[in-house]
Amino acid sequence: MPERVLLSWSGGKDSALALYEINKSENFNIIALITTITDQYNRVSMHGIRTTLVEQQAKSIGLPLERILISKNASNNEYESKLNEVLINHSERGINSVVFGEIFLEDVKKYREDLLKKIGMKGVFPIWKRASQKLARQFIDLGFKAVITCIDSEAIDQSFSGREYNDQFLSDLPAEVDPCGENGEFHSFVYDGPIFKDPILHSKGDIVLRDNRFYYCDLLHG
C-alpha cells in the first residue's frame, strides 16, 4: 500500500515538479498540500503569491490545501512552532513523511530533516541532486507554464520579474545564475501543466520593490 504523505507547496515550479514525480511513483499517496502564508499579507511567504491563487492551484490539482499562518518578519522559532503544530496533528493520524522540492542546497535539506526528526517524521526529496539545467528543461518540455513572481535584484535584473519561465527566460539569465533559482535568485507561480485539471486564470498587476532588494510582480486572480 502506498505511504500517505504531505507535500510542501510553494506554488512554484520546484514543488510542482516534486508533485509530478511523486504522482508517477506507486510508493506514495499525497493527502494534502501544506503552504506557509504570511498572515498580514495573505500571501505565500517569499513567493508573494496571493492565497486565492494557491487555493485555485490546489482545486485544480484536486488536493486539500492546509495553511500554516505566520506573521510578517516571523522568527525561525515562530515558523517552526506553527509548522510543528500542523505536522504533529498529521503525525498522530499516521502521516510520517513530508515531500519537498529541494534540489541541491545541503543546509536547507538538513534543516528540514532535523526539524522533522524531532517529531518522528522524515523528508522525501524526489528531485534531489537532479541537474538544474535538466530540471528546467524537463519543466518546460512537460508543458508546465509559470510566471516569475519575485526576483532578488542582487542576483538578476529587475526586468526578470513578471516574465514567463520559458526558453527565452533561461537564455537571458546570467551564466552564474542557477536556472531553477535554487539559490533564491527568483521565485515562480505555476499556472498550467500536467498536474492541473485546468489552467489557473490570472493577470499581472504592479511590480513593487520590497526591502530595497526584492521585486515582486503582483498576480491577480482571474
N, C-alpha and C. Protein backbone atom coordinates (compact mmCIF):
# COMPACT_ATOMS: atom_id res chain seq x y z
N MET A 1 0.84 -1.20 0.00
CA MET A 1 0.00 0.00 0.00
C MET A 1 0.88 1.25 0.00
N PRO A 2 0.56 2.25 -0.84
CA PRO A 2 1.38 3.48 -0.87
C PRO A 2 1.36 4.22 0.47
N GLU A 3 2.49 4.82 0.79
CA GLU A 3 2.58 5.60 2.02
C GLU A 3 1.86 6.94 1.83
N ARG A 4 1.05 7.31 2.79
CA ARG A 4 0.36 8.60 2.75
C ARG A 4 1.33 9.70 3.21
N VAL A 5 1.44 10.75 2.42
CA VAL A 5 2.41 11.81 2.71
C VAL A 5 1.78 13.19 2.49
N LEU A 6 2.44 14.21 3.06
CA LEU A 6 2.11 15.60 2.80
C LEU A 6 3.11 16.15 1.79
N LEU A 7 2.75 17.22 1.08
CA LEU A 7 3.69 17.85 0.17
C LEU A 7 3.79 19.34 0.49
N SER A 8 5.01 19.81 0.69
CA SER A 8 5.25 21.23 0.95
C SER A 8 5.07 22.00 -0.36
N TRP A 9 4.08 22.89 -0.38
CA TRP A 9 3.67 23.54 -1.63
C TRP A 9 3.90 25.04 -1.55
N SER A 10 4.73 25.56 -2.45
CA SER A 10 5.00 27.00 -2.50
C SER A 10 4.20 27.69 -3.59
N GLY A 11 3.67 26.89 -4.51
CA GLY A 11 3.02 27.45 -5.69
C GLY A 11 3.96 27.57 -6.87
N GLY A 12 5.25 27.29 -6.63
CA GLY A 12 6.27 27.46 -7.65
C GLY A 12 6.66 26.18 -8.36
N LYS A 13 7.62 26.31 -9.28
CA LYS A 13 7.94 25.21 -10.18
C LYS A 13 8.61 24.02 -9.50
N ASP A 14 9.43 24.24 -8.48
CA ASP A 14 10.11 23.11 -7.85
C ASP A 14 9.13 22.20 -7.10
N SER A 15 8.18 22.80 -6.39
CA SER A 15 7.18 21.98 -5.71
C SER A 15 6.26 21.31 -6.74
N ALA A 16 6.02 21.98 -7.87
CA ALA A 16 5.21 21.38 -8.93
C ALA A 16 5.91 20.15 -9.52
N LEU A 17 7.21 20.26 -9.75
CA LEU A 17 7.97 19.12 -10.26
C LEU A 17 8.03 17.98 -9.24
N ALA A 18 8.18 18.33 -7.97
CA ALA A 18 8.18 17.31 -6.92
C ALA A 18 6.85 16.57 -6.90
N LEU A 19 5.75 17.30 -7.03
CA LEU A 19 4.43 16.68 -7.08
C LEU A 19 4.29 15.79 -8.30
N TYR A 20 4.77 16.26 -9.43
CA TYR A 20 4.72 15.47 -10.66
C TYR A 20 5.46 14.14 -10.50
N GLU A 21 6.66 14.20 -9.91
CA GLU A 21 7.46 13.00 -9.72
C GLU A 21 6.81 12.03 -8.73
N ILE A 22 6.26 12.57 -7.66
CA ILE A 22 5.60 11.72 -6.66
C ILE A 22 4.38 11.05 -7.26
N ASN A 23 3.65 11.78 -8.10
CA ASN A 23 2.46 11.21 -8.73
C ASN A 23 2.81 10.03 -9.64
N LYS A 24 4.03 10.02 -10.18
CA LYS A 24 4.46 8.91 -11.04
C LYS A 24 4.81 7.66 -10.23
N SER A 25 5.12 7.88 -8.95
CA SER A 25 5.55 6.77 -8.10
C SER A 25 4.34 5.99 -7.56
N GLU A 26 4.52 4.71 -7.38
CA GLU A 26 3.49 3.89 -6.76
C GLU A 26 3.70 3.75 -5.26
N ASN A 27 4.73 4.44 -4.75
CA ASN A 27 5.10 4.28 -3.34
C ASN A 27 4.45 5.30 -2.41
N PHE A 28 3.88 6.38 -3.00
CA PHE A 28 3.35 7.46 -2.17
C PHE A 28 1.97 7.89 -2.63
N ASN A 29 1.19 8.37 -1.66
CA ASN A 29 -0.13 8.93 -1.93
C ASN A 29 -0.23 10.26 -1.20
N ILE A 30 -0.21 11.36 -1.93
CA ILE A 30 -0.28 12.69 -1.30
C ILE A 30 -1.70 12.94 -0.81
N ILE A 31 -1.82 13.30 0.46
CA ILE A 31 -3.15 13.53 1.01
C ILE A 31 -3.47 15.02 1.15
N ALA A 32 -2.44 15.88 1.15
CA ALA A 32 -2.68 17.31 1.28
C ALA A 32 -1.44 18.10 0.91
N LEU A 33 -1.66 19.34 0.49
CA LEU A 33 -0.58 20.31 0.28
C LEU A 33 -0.51 21.20 1.50
N ILE A 34 0.70 21.51 1.97
CA ILE A 34 0.86 22.44 3.08
C ILE A 34 1.63 23.67 2.59
N THR A 35 1.12 24.83 2.93
CA THR A 35 1.66 26.08 2.42
C THR A 35 1.81 27.09 3.55
N THR A 36 2.96 27.76 3.60
CA THR A 36 3.19 28.80 4.60
C THR A 36 2.70 30.14 4.07
N ILE A 37 1.77 30.74 4.80
CA ILE A 37 1.15 32.01 4.42
C ILE A 37 1.52 33.09 5.42
N THR A 38 1.98 34.24 4.92
CA THR A 38 2.20 35.40 5.79
C THR A 38 0.83 36.02 6.07
N ASP A 39 0.41 35.95 7.32
CA ASP A 39 -0.98 36.25 7.68
C ASP A 39 -1.41 37.67 7.29
N GLN A 40 -0.58 38.67 7.64
CA GLN A 40 -0.97 40.06 7.39
C GLN A 40 -1.12 40.38 5.90
N TYR A 41 -0.35 39.69 5.07
CA TYR A 41 -0.39 39.95 3.63
C TYR A 41 -1.31 38.99 2.88
N ASN A 42 -1.66 37.87 3.54
CA ASN A 42 -2.47 36.82 2.91
C ASN A 42 -1.82 36.34 1.61
N ARG A 43 -0.52 36.11 1.69
CA ARG A 43 0.27 35.67 0.54
C ARG A 43 1.25 34.59 0.97
N VAL A 44 1.65 33.77 0.00
CA VAL A 44 2.67 32.75 0.26
C VAL A 44 3.98 33.44 0.63
N SER A 45 4.56 33.02 1.73
CA SER A 45 5.80 33.63 2.20
C SER A 45 6.90 33.50 1.14
N MET A 46 7.66 34.56 0.94
CA MET A 46 8.75 34.69 -0.04
C MET A 46 8.25 34.76 -1.49
N HIS A 47 7.37 33.89 -1.90
CA HIS A 47 6.92 33.90 -3.30
C HIS A 47 5.98 35.07 -3.57
N GLY A 48 5.27 35.54 -2.53
CA GLY A 48 4.38 36.69 -2.70
C GLY A 48 3.10 36.39 -3.45
N ILE A 49 2.73 35.12 -3.56
CA ILE A 49 1.53 34.73 -4.32
C ILE A 49 0.30 34.87 -3.43
N ARG A 50 -0.74 35.47 -3.96
CA ARG A 50 -1.98 35.62 -3.20
C ARG A 50 -2.56 34.24 -2.84
N THR A 51 -3.13 34.16 -1.63
CA THR A 51 -3.70 32.90 -1.17
C THR A 51 -4.78 32.39 -2.10
N THR A 52 -5.56 33.29 -2.69
CA THR A 52 -6.63 32.87 -3.60
C THR A 52 -6.07 32.08 -4.79
N LEU A 53 -4.87 32.43 -5.23
CA LEU A 53 -4.28 31.74 -6.37
C LEU A 53 -3.77 30.34 -6.00
N VAL A 54 -3.18 30.19 -4.82
CA VAL A 54 -2.75 28.84 -4.42
C VAL A 54 -3.96 27.97 -4.10
N GLU A 55 -5.03 28.59 -3.65
CA GLU A 55 -6.27 27.83 -3.46
C GLU A 55 -6.78 27.30 -4.80
N GLN A 56 -6.68 28.11 -5.84
CA GLN A 56 -7.08 27.66 -7.17
C GLN A 56 -6.16 26.57 -7.69
N GLN A 57 -4.87 26.68 -7.39
CA GLN A 57 -3.94 25.60 -7.77
C GLN A 57 -4.37 24.29 -7.12
N ALA A 58 -4.61 24.33 -5.81
CA ALA A 58 -4.98 23.12 -5.08
C ALA A 58 -6.27 22.51 -5.63
N LYS A 59 -7.23 23.38 -5.94
CA LYS A 59 -8.50 22.90 -6.50
C LYS A 59 -8.29 22.21 -7.84
N SER A 60 -7.45 22.80 -8.69
CA SER A 60 -7.17 22.21 -9.99
C SER A 60 -6.37 20.92 -9.88
N ILE A 61 -5.49 20.85 -8.88
CA ILE A 61 -4.71 19.63 -8.63
C ILE A 61 -5.61 18.53 -8.07
N GLY A 62 -6.61 18.96 -7.26
CA GLY A 62 -7.52 18.01 -6.65
C GLY A 62 -7.08 17.55 -5.28
N LEU A 63 -6.36 18.43 -4.56
CA LEU A 63 -5.90 18.10 -3.21
C LEU A 63 -6.27 19.23 -2.25
N PRO A 64 -6.54 18.89 -0.97
CA PRO A 64 -6.79 19.94 0.01
C PRO A 64 -5.54 20.75 0.29
N LEU A 65 -5.74 22.03 0.61
CA LEU A 65 -4.62 22.93 0.93
C LEU A 65 -4.69 23.28 2.41
N GLU A 66 -3.61 23.01 3.12
CA GLU A 66 -3.55 23.35 4.55
C GLU A 66 -2.58 24.50 4.74
N ARG A 67 -3.05 25.57 5.37
CA ARG A 67 -2.25 26.78 5.53
C ARG A 67 -1.54 26.80 6.88
N ILE A 68 -0.27 27.21 6.85
CA ILE A 68 0.48 27.48 8.07
C ILE A 68 0.64 28.99 8.14
N LEU A 69 -0.06 29.62 9.06
CA LEU A 69 -0.09 31.08 9.13
C LEU A 69 1.02 31.59 10.04
N ILE A 70 1.88 32.46 9.47
CA ILE A 70 2.94 33.09 10.27
C ILE A 70 2.82 34.61 10.12
N SER A 71 3.40 35.33 11.06
CA SER A 71 3.37 36.79 11.00
C SER A 71 4.49 37.30 10.10
N LYS A 72 4.35 38.54 9.63
CA LYS A 72 5.44 39.12 8.85
C LYS A 72 6.67 39.24 9.74
N ASN A 73 7.83 39.07 9.14
CA ASN A 73 9.10 39.07 9.88
C ASN A 73 9.13 37.99 10.97
N ALA A 74 8.46 36.88 10.70
CA ALA A 74 8.41 35.79 11.68
C ALA A 74 9.80 35.23 11.95
N SER A 75 10.06 34.91 13.21
CA SER A 75 11.33 34.28 13.58
C SER A 75 11.29 32.80 13.21
N ASN A 76 12.46 32.17 13.20
CA ASN A 76 12.51 30.73 12.95
C ASN A 76 11.70 29.97 14.00
N ASN A 77 11.76 30.45 15.24
CA ASN A 77 11.02 29.79 16.32
C ASN A 77 9.52 29.80 16.05
N GLU A 78 9.02 30.96 15.58
CA GLU A 78 7.59 31.04 15.27
C GLU A 78 7.23 30.11 14.13
N TYR A 79 8.03 30.15 13.06
CA TYR A 79 7.77 29.29 11.91
C TYR A 79 7.77 27.82 12.32
N GLU A 80 8.78 27.42 13.07
CA GLU A 80 8.89 26.02 13.46
C GLU A 80 7.74 25.59 14.37
N SER A 81 7.35 26.49 15.27
CA SER A 81 6.24 26.19 16.17
C SER A 81 4.93 25.99 15.42
N LYS A 82 4.65 26.89 14.47
CA LYS A 82 3.41 26.79 13.69
C LYS A 82 3.44 25.55 12.79
N LEU A 83 4.60 25.28 12.19
CA LEU A 83 4.74 24.10 11.33
C LEU A 83 4.55 22.82 12.13
N ASN A 84 5.21 22.76 13.28
CA ASN A 84 5.12 21.56 14.11
C ASN A 84 3.70 21.28 14.56
N GLU A 85 2.97 22.34 14.85
CA GLU A 85 1.58 22.18 15.27
C GLU A 85 0.77 21.44 14.21
N VAL A 86 0.97 21.83 12.95
CA VAL A 86 0.26 21.19 11.84
C VAL A 86 0.77 19.76 11.63
N LEU A 87 2.09 19.60 11.63
CA LEU A 87 2.66 18.28 11.33
C LEU A 87 2.36 17.26 12.42
N ILE A 88 2.41 17.67 13.67
CA ILE A 88 2.11 16.74 14.77
C ILE A 88 0.68 16.24 14.66
N ASN A 89 -0.21 17.13 14.27
CA ASN A 89 -1.61 16.74 14.09
C ASN A 89 -1.73 15.63 13.05
N HIS A 90 -0.96 15.76 11.95
CA HIS A 90 -0.98 14.72 10.92
C HIS A 90 -0.24 13.46 11.38
N SER A 91 0.85 13.65 12.11
CA SER A 91 1.63 12.51 12.60
C SER A 91 0.78 11.61 13.50
N GLU A 92 -0.07 12.23 14.29
CA GLU A 92 -0.94 11.47 15.19
C GLU A 92 -1.97 10.65 14.44
N ARG A 93 -2.15 10.98 13.15
CA ARG A 93 -3.09 10.23 12.30
C ARG A 93 -2.35 9.30 11.33
N GLY A 94 -1.06 9.08 11.62
CA GLY A 94 -0.31 8.09 10.86
C GLY A 94 0.43 8.59 9.64
N ILE A 95 0.54 9.93 9.50
CA ILE A 95 1.30 10.50 8.39
C ILE A 95 2.72 10.77 8.88
N ASN A 96 3.70 10.15 8.25
CA ASN A 96 5.07 10.20 8.78
C ASN A 96 6.08 10.89 7.87
N SER A 97 5.66 11.38 6.69
CA SER A 97 6.62 11.96 5.75
C SER A 97 6.07 13.21 5.09
N VAL A 98 7.00 14.11 4.74
CA VAL A 98 6.66 15.33 4.01
C VAL A 98 7.56 15.41 2.78
N VAL A 99 6.96 15.70 1.63
CA VAL A 99 7.69 15.81 0.37
C VAL A 99 8.11 17.26 0.14
N PHE A 100 9.37 17.46 -0.29
CA PHE A 100 9.90 18.79 -0.57
C PHE A 100 10.51 18.83 -1.97
N GLY A 101 10.60 20.05 -2.52
CA GLY A 101 11.16 20.24 -3.85
C GLY A 101 12.59 20.75 -3.85
N GLU A 102 13.36 20.48 -2.80
CA GLU A 102 14.76 20.90 -2.77
C GLU A 102 15.56 20.19 -3.86
N ILE A 103 16.57 20.90 -4.37
CA ILE A 103 17.39 20.33 -5.46
C ILE A 103 18.82 20.04 -5.01
N PHE A 104 19.52 21.05 -4.46
CA PHE A 104 20.92 20.78 -4.10
C PHE A 104 21.42 21.53 -2.86
N LEU A 105 20.60 22.30 -2.18
CA LEU A 105 21.07 23.03 -1.01
C LEU A 105 21.12 22.12 0.21
N GLU A 106 22.32 21.67 0.54
CA GLU A 106 22.51 20.71 1.63
C GLU A 106 22.01 21.25 2.97
N ASP A 107 22.27 22.54 3.25
CA ASP A 107 21.88 23.09 4.54
C ASP A 107 20.36 23.16 4.71
N VAL A 108 19.65 23.46 3.61
CA VAL A 108 18.19 23.51 3.68
C VAL A 108 17.62 22.12 3.88
N LYS A 109 18.16 21.15 3.16
CA LYS A 109 17.70 19.76 3.30
C LYS A 109 17.93 19.27 4.73
N LYS A 110 19.12 19.55 5.28
CA LYS A 110 19.43 19.11 6.65
C LYS A 110 18.50 19.80 7.65
N TYR A 111 18.24 21.09 7.44
CA TYR A 111 17.34 21.82 8.34
C TYR A 111 15.96 21.16 8.36
N ARG A 112 15.45 20.82 7.19
CA ARG A 112 14.13 20.19 7.12
C ARG A 112 14.15 18.81 7.76
N GLU A 113 15.18 18.04 7.49
CA GLU A 113 15.26 16.70 8.06
C GLU A 113 15.37 16.74 9.58
N ASP A 114 16.19 17.65 10.09
CA ASP A 114 16.36 17.77 11.55
C ASP A 114 15.05 18.19 12.22
N LEU A 115 14.34 19.11 11.58
CA LEU A 115 13.06 19.59 12.11
C LEU A 115 12.04 18.45 12.18
N LEU A 116 11.98 17.68 11.10
CA LEU A 116 11.03 16.56 11.06
C LEU A 116 11.41 15.45 12.03
N LYS A 117 12.71 15.21 12.16
CA LYS A 117 13.18 14.13 13.03
C LYS A 117 12.75 14.35 14.48
N LYS A 118 12.69 15.60 14.91
CA LYS A 118 12.30 15.93 16.28
C LYS A 118 10.88 15.47 16.60
N ILE A 119 10.04 15.37 15.59
CA ILE A 119 8.66 14.95 15.83
C ILE A 119 8.38 13.58 15.20
N GLY A 120 9.45 12.85 14.90
CA GLY A 120 9.30 11.48 14.43
C GLY A 120 8.86 11.35 12.99
N MET A 121 9.15 12.38 12.17
CA MET A 121 8.78 12.32 10.75
C MET A 121 10.05 12.37 9.90
N LYS A 122 9.89 12.19 8.60
CA LYS A 122 11.05 12.24 7.71
C LYS A 122 10.68 12.98 6.43
N GLY A 123 11.72 13.40 5.70
CA GLY A 123 11.53 14.11 4.45
C GLY A 123 11.71 13.22 3.25
N VAL A 124 10.99 13.54 2.17
CA VAL A 124 11.13 12.86 0.89
C VAL A 124 11.49 13.93 -0.14
N PHE A 125 12.55 13.68 -0.91
CA PHE A 125 13.08 14.69 -1.83
C PHE A 125 13.19 14.11 -3.24
N PRO A 126 12.10 14.12 -4.00
CA PRO A 126 12.07 13.41 -5.29
C PRO A 126 12.92 14.01 -6.40
N ILE A 127 13.31 15.29 -6.30
CA ILE A 127 14.15 15.86 -7.36
C ILE A 127 15.53 16.22 -6.84
N TRP A 128 15.90 15.68 -5.70
CA TRP A 128 17.19 15.97 -5.07
C TRP A 128 18.35 15.52 -5.96
N LYS A 129 19.31 16.41 -6.11
CA LYS A 129 20.55 16.18 -6.86
C LYS A 129 20.34 16.00 -8.37
N ARG A 130 19.17 16.37 -8.86
CA ARG A 130 18.98 16.41 -10.31
C ARG A 130 19.69 17.66 -10.84
N ALA A 131 20.25 17.60 -12.01
CA ALA A 131 20.93 18.74 -12.60
C ALA A 131 19.92 19.84 -12.90
N SER A 132 20.22 21.06 -12.42
CA SER A 132 19.27 22.16 -12.56
C SER A 132 18.90 22.44 -14.02
N GLN A 133 19.89 22.40 -14.92
CA GLN A 133 19.61 22.68 -16.32
C GLN A 133 18.65 21.65 -16.90
N LYS A 134 18.82 20.38 -16.51
CA LYS A 134 17.94 19.33 -17.00
C LYS A 134 16.54 19.46 -16.40
N LEU A 135 16.47 19.84 -15.13
CA LEU A 135 15.17 20.05 -14.49
C LEU A 135 14.41 21.19 -15.15
N ALA A 136 15.11 22.28 -15.42
CA ALA A 136 14.48 23.42 -16.09
C ALA A 136 13.95 23.01 -17.46
N ARG A 137 14.75 22.25 -18.17
CA ARG A 137 14.35 21.76 -19.50
C ARG A 137 13.15 20.83 -19.39
N GLN A 138 13.19 19.92 -18.41
CA GLN A 138 12.09 18.98 -18.21
C GLN A 138 10.78 19.72 -17.90
N PHE A 139 10.87 20.72 -17.04
CA PHE A 139 9.70 21.50 -16.65
C PHE A 139 9.00 22.08 -17.89
N ILE A 140 9.78 22.67 -18.75
CA ILE A 140 9.21 23.29 -19.97
C ILE A 140 8.71 22.23 -20.94
N ASP A 141 9.50 21.17 -21.13
CA ASP A 141 9.13 20.13 -22.09
C ASP A 141 7.86 19.38 -21.68
N LEU A 142 7.61 19.28 -20.38
CA LEU A 142 6.41 18.60 -19.89
C LEU A 142 5.14 19.43 -20.11
N GLY A 143 5.33 20.69 -20.49
CA GLY A 143 4.17 21.55 -20.72
C GLY A 143 3.78 22.41 -19.55
N PHE A 144 4.63 22.45 -18.51
CA PHE A 144 4.37 23.35 -17.40
C PHE A 144 4.54 24.80 -17.87
N LYS A 145 3.76 25.69 -17.28
CA LYS A 145 3.89 27.11 -17.55
C LYS A 145 3.92 27.86 -16.22
N ALA A 146 4.82 28.84 -16.13
CA ALA A 146 4.98 29.58 -14.89
C ALA A 146 5.38 31.02 -15.18
N VAL A 147 5.09 31.89 -14.23
CA VAL A 147 5.48 33.29 -14.32
C VAL A 147 6.35 33.61 -13.11
N ILE A 148 7.34 34.47 -13.31
CA ILE A 148 8.26 34.84 -12.23
C ILE A 148 7.58 35.89 -11.34
N THR A 149 7.43 35.54 -10.06
CA THR A 149 6.72 36.43 -9.13
C THR A 149 7.64 37.29 -8.28
N CYS A 150 8.90 36.88 -8.15
CA CYS A 150 9.83 37.60 -7.29
C CYS A 150 11.25 37.38 -7.78
N ILE A 151 12.04 38.45 -7.80
CA ILE A 151 13.46 38.30 -8.12
C ILE A 151 14.29 39.01 -7.06
N ASP A 152 15.48 38.51 -6.85
CA ASP A 152 16.45 39.14 -5.97
C ASP A 152 17.34 40.03 -6.84
N SER A 153 17.22 41.34 -6.68
CA SER A 153 17.94 42.26 -7.55
C SER A 153 19.44 42.22 -7.33
N GLU A 154 19.90 41.55 -6.27
CA GLU A 154 21.34 41.37 -6.09
C GLU A 154 21.86 40.23 -6.96
N ALA A 155 20.93 39.46 -7.57
CA ALA A 155 21.34 38.34 -8.41
C ALA A 155 21.00 38.57 -9.88
N ILE A 156 19.81 39.10 -10.16
CA ILE A 156 19.40 39.34 -11.55
C ILE A 156 18.67 40.68 -11.66
N ASP A 157 18.54 41.16 -12.87
CA ASP A 157 17.92 42.47 -13.10
C ASP A 157 16.43 42.44 -12.81
N GLN A 158 15.91 43.59 -12.38
CA GLN A 158 14.50 43.69 -12.03
C GLN A 158 13.57 43.37 -13.19
N SER A 159 14.07 43.49 -14.42
CA SER A 159 13.24 43.24 -15.60
C SER A 159 12.80 41.78 -15.72
N PHE A 160 13.44 40.88 -14.96
CA PHE A 160 13.05 39.47 -15.00
C PHE A 160 11.76 39.23 -14.22
N SER A 161 11.40 40.12 -13.31
CA SER A 161 10.17 39.96 -12.54
C SER A 161 8.96 40.09 -13.46
N GLY A 162 8.04 39.14 -13.37
CA GLY A 162 6.84 39.16 -14.20
C GLY A 162 6.98 38.45 -15.53
N ARG A 163 8.18 37.95 -15.83
CA ARG A 163 8.37 37.26 -17.11
C ARG A 163 7.90 35.81 -17.05
N GLU A 164 7.62 35.25 -18.21
CA GLU A 164 7.29 33.83 -18.31
C GLU A 164 8.57 33.00 -18.15
N TYR A 165 8.43 31.87 -17.48
CA TYR A 165 9.55 30.95 -17.33
C TYR A 165 9.57 30.04 -18.56
N ASN A 166 10.38 30.41 -19.53
CA ASN A 166 10.42 29.68 -20.79
C ASN A 166 11.84 29.66 -21.35
N ASP A 167 11.97 29.20 -22.59
CA ASP A 167 13.30 29.09 -23.20
C ASP A 167 14.02 30.44 -23.24
N GLN A 168 13.27 31.48 -23.58
CA GLN A 168 13.90 32.80 -23.68
C GLN A 168 14.38 33.29 -22.32
N PHE A 169 13.58 33.03 -21.30
CA PHE A 169 13.98 33.40 -19.93
C PHE A 169 15.29 32.72 -19.56
N LEU A 170 15.38 31.42 -19.80
CA LEU A 170 16.60 30.68 -19.46
C LEU A 170 17.79 31.18 -20.26
N SER A 171 17.55 31.51 -21.52
CA SER A 171 18.62 32.01 -22.37
C SER A 171 19.14 33.36 -21.89
N ASP A 172 18.25 34.18 -21.34
CA ASP A 172 18.62 35.53 -20.91
C ASP A 172 19.25 35.58 -19.53
N LEU A 173 19.13 34.50 -18.76
CA LEU A 173 19.71 34.51 -17.42
C LEU A 173 21.23 34.62 -17.47
N PRO A 174 21.83 35.39 -16.56
CA PRO A 174 23.29 35.41 -16.48
C PRO A 174 23.84 34.00 -16.22
N ALA A 175 25.00 33.72 -16.73
CA ALA A 175 25.57 32.37 -16.66
C ALA A 175 25.73 31.88 -15.22
N GLU A 176 25.97 32.80 -14.28
CA GLU A 176 26.21 32.40 -12.90
C GLU A 176 24.93 32.12 -12.11
N VAL A 177 23.78 32.39 -12.70
CA VAL A 177 22.50 32.21 -12.01
C VAL A 177 21.96 30.80 -12.27
N ASP A 178 21.56 30.13 -11.19
CA ASP A 178 21.01 28.79 -11.33
C ASP A 178 19.71 28.84 -12.12
N PRO A 179 19.54 27.98 -13.14
CA PRO A 179 18.34 28.04 -13.98
C PRO A 179 17.05 27.68 -13.26
N CYS A 180 17.17 27.08 -12.09
CA CYS A 180 15.98 26.80 -11.27
C CYS A 180 15.83 27.81 -10.13
N GLY A 181 16.74 28.77 -10.06
CA GLY A 181 16.66 29.76 -8.98
C GLY A 181 16.84 29.16 -7.60
N GLU A 182 17.58 28.07 -7.51
CA GLU A 182 17.70 27.33 -6.25
C GLU A 182 18.40 28.14 -5.16
N ASN A 183 19.20 29.12 -5.54
CA ASN A 183 19.88 29.97 -4.55
C ASN A 183 19.04 31.18 -4.15
N GLY A 184 17.77 31.18 -4.54
CA GLY A 184 16.88 32.29 -4.18
C GLY A 184 16.90 33.44 -5.16
N GLU A 185 17.49 33.23 -6.35
CA GLU A 185 17.58 34.30 -7.33
C GLU A 185 16.20 34.75 -7.83
N PHE A 186 15.27 33.80 -7.89
CA PHE A 186 13.91 34.13 -8.31
C PHE A 186 12.94 33.07 -7.80
N HIS A 187 11.64 33.44 -7.78
CA HIS A 187 10.57 32.53 -7.39
C HIS A 187 9.47 32.60 -8.44
N SER A 188 8.63 31.59 -8.48
CA SER A 188 7.67 31.49 -9.58
C SER A 188 6.29 31.05 -9.12
N PHE A 189 5.32 31.21 -10.02
CA PHE A 189 3.96 30.73 -9.84
C PHE A 189 3.61 29.87 -11.05
N VAL A 190 3.27 28.61 -10.80
CA VAL A 190 2.93 27.68 -11.88
C VAL A 190 1.42 27.75 -12.13
N TYR A 191 1.04 27.98 -13.38
CA TYR A 191 -0.38 28.14 -13.67
C TYR A 191 -0.94 27.13 -14.66
N ASP A 192 -0.09 26.27 -15.20
CA ASP A 192 -0.59 25.24 -16.11
C ASP A 192 0.43 24.11 -16.17
N GLY A 193 -0.04 22.93 -16.59
CA GLY A 193 0.86 21.79 -16.70
C GLY A 193 0.15 20.49 -16.39
N PRO A 194 0.87 19.38 -16.44
CA PRO A 194 0.27 18.05 -16.33
C PRO A 194 -0.33 17.72 -14.97
N ILE A 195 -0.03 18.48 -13.93
CA ILE A 195 -0.62 18.20 -12.61
C ILE A 195 -1.98 18.87 -12.43
N PHE A 196 -2.35 19.76 -13.36
CA PHE A 196 -3.59 20.53 -13.24
C PHE A 196 -4.70 20.00 -14.14
N LYS A 197 -5.93 20.04 -13.63
CA LYS A 197 -7.09 19.74 -14.47
C LYS A 197 -7.37 20.91 -15.39
N ASP A 198 -7.23 22.12 -14.89
CA ASP A 198 -7.49 23.34 -15.65
C ASP A 198 -6.39 24.37 -15.35
N PRO A 199 -6.06 25.23 -16.32
CA PRO A 199 -5.10 26.31 -16.05
C PRO A 199 -5.63 27.25 -14.97
N ILE A 200 -4.71 27.91 -14.26
CA ILE A 200 -5.08 28.87 -13.23
C ILE A 200 -5.15 30.25 -13.89
N LEU A 201 -6.34 30.80 -13.96
CA LEU A 201 -6.53 32.09 -14.60
C LEU A 201 -5.95 33.19 -13.70
N HIS A 202 -5.19 34.08 -14.32
CA HIS A 202 -4.56 35.16 -13.55
C HIS A 202 -4.20 36.30 -14.50
N SER A 203 -3.92 37.44 -13.92
CA SER A 203 -3.41 38.57 -14.70
C SER A 203 -2.30 39.24 -13.90
N LYS A 204 -1.43 39.93 -14.61
CA LYS A 204 -0.28 40.56 -13.97
C LYS A 204 -0.64 41.98 -13.51
N GLY A 205 -0.30 42.26 -12.26
CA GLY A 205 -0.52 43.59 -11.70
C GLY A 205 0.77 44.38 -11.63
N ASP A 206 0.90 45.20 -10.60
CA ASP A 206 2.07 46.06 -10.44
C ASP A 206 3.30 45.26 -10.03
N ILE A 207 4.46 45.79 -10.38
CA ILE A 207 5.73 45.27 -9.87
C ILE A 207 6.22 46.24 -8.80
N VAL A 208 6.46 45.72 -7.60
CA VAL A 208 6.83 46.57 -6.48
C VAL A 208 8.15 46.11 -5.86
N LEU A 209 8.88 47.05 -5.30
CA LEU A 209 10.16 46.77 -4.65
C LEU A 209 9.94 46.64 -3.15
N ARG A 210 10.43 45.54 -2.56
CA ARG A 210 10.34 45.32 -1.12
C ARG A 210 11.75 45.18 -0.54
N ASP A 211 11.93 45.73 0.66
CA ASP A 211 13.20 45.63 1.39
C ASP A 211 14.37 46.16 0.56
N ASN A 212 14.06 47.05 -0.37
CA ASN A 212 15.07 47.66 -1.21
C ASN A 212 15.91 46.63 -1.96
N ARG A 213 15.28 45.48 -2.24
CA ARG A 213 16.05 44.39 -2.86
C ARG A 213 15.20 43.49 -3.75
N PHE A 214 14.00 43.11 -3.30
CA PHE A 214 13.20 42.11 -3.99
C PHE A 214 12.09 42.78 -4.81
N TYR A 215 12.03 42.44 -6.09
CA TYR A 215 10.97 42.96 -6.96
C TYR A 215 9.89 41.89 -7.12
N TYR A 216 8.69 42.24 -6.66
CA TYR A 216 7.55 41.33 -6.73
C TYR A 216 6.60 41.74 -7.84
N CYS A 217 6.18 40.78 -8.64
CA CYS A 217 5.12 41.00 -9.61
C CYS A 217 3.82 40.49 -9.00
N ASP A 218 2.91 41.41 -8.75
CA ASP A 218 1.64 41.04 -8.15
C ASP A 218 0.77 40.32 -9.17
N LEU A 219 0.30 39.14 -8.84
CA LEU A 219 -0.60 38.40 -9.71
C LEU A 219 -2.01 38.46 -9.15
N LEU A 220 -2.95 38.78 -10.02
CA LEU A 220 -4.35 38.93 -9.64
C LEU A 220 -5.13 37.71 -10.11
N HIS A 221 -6.14 37.33 -9.37
CA HIS A 221 -6.96 36.19 -9.75
C HIS A 221 -7.88 36.53 -10.91
N GLY A 222 -7.95 35.64 -11.89
CA GLY A 222 -8.88 35.80 -12.99
C GLY A 222 -8.30 36.55 -14.17
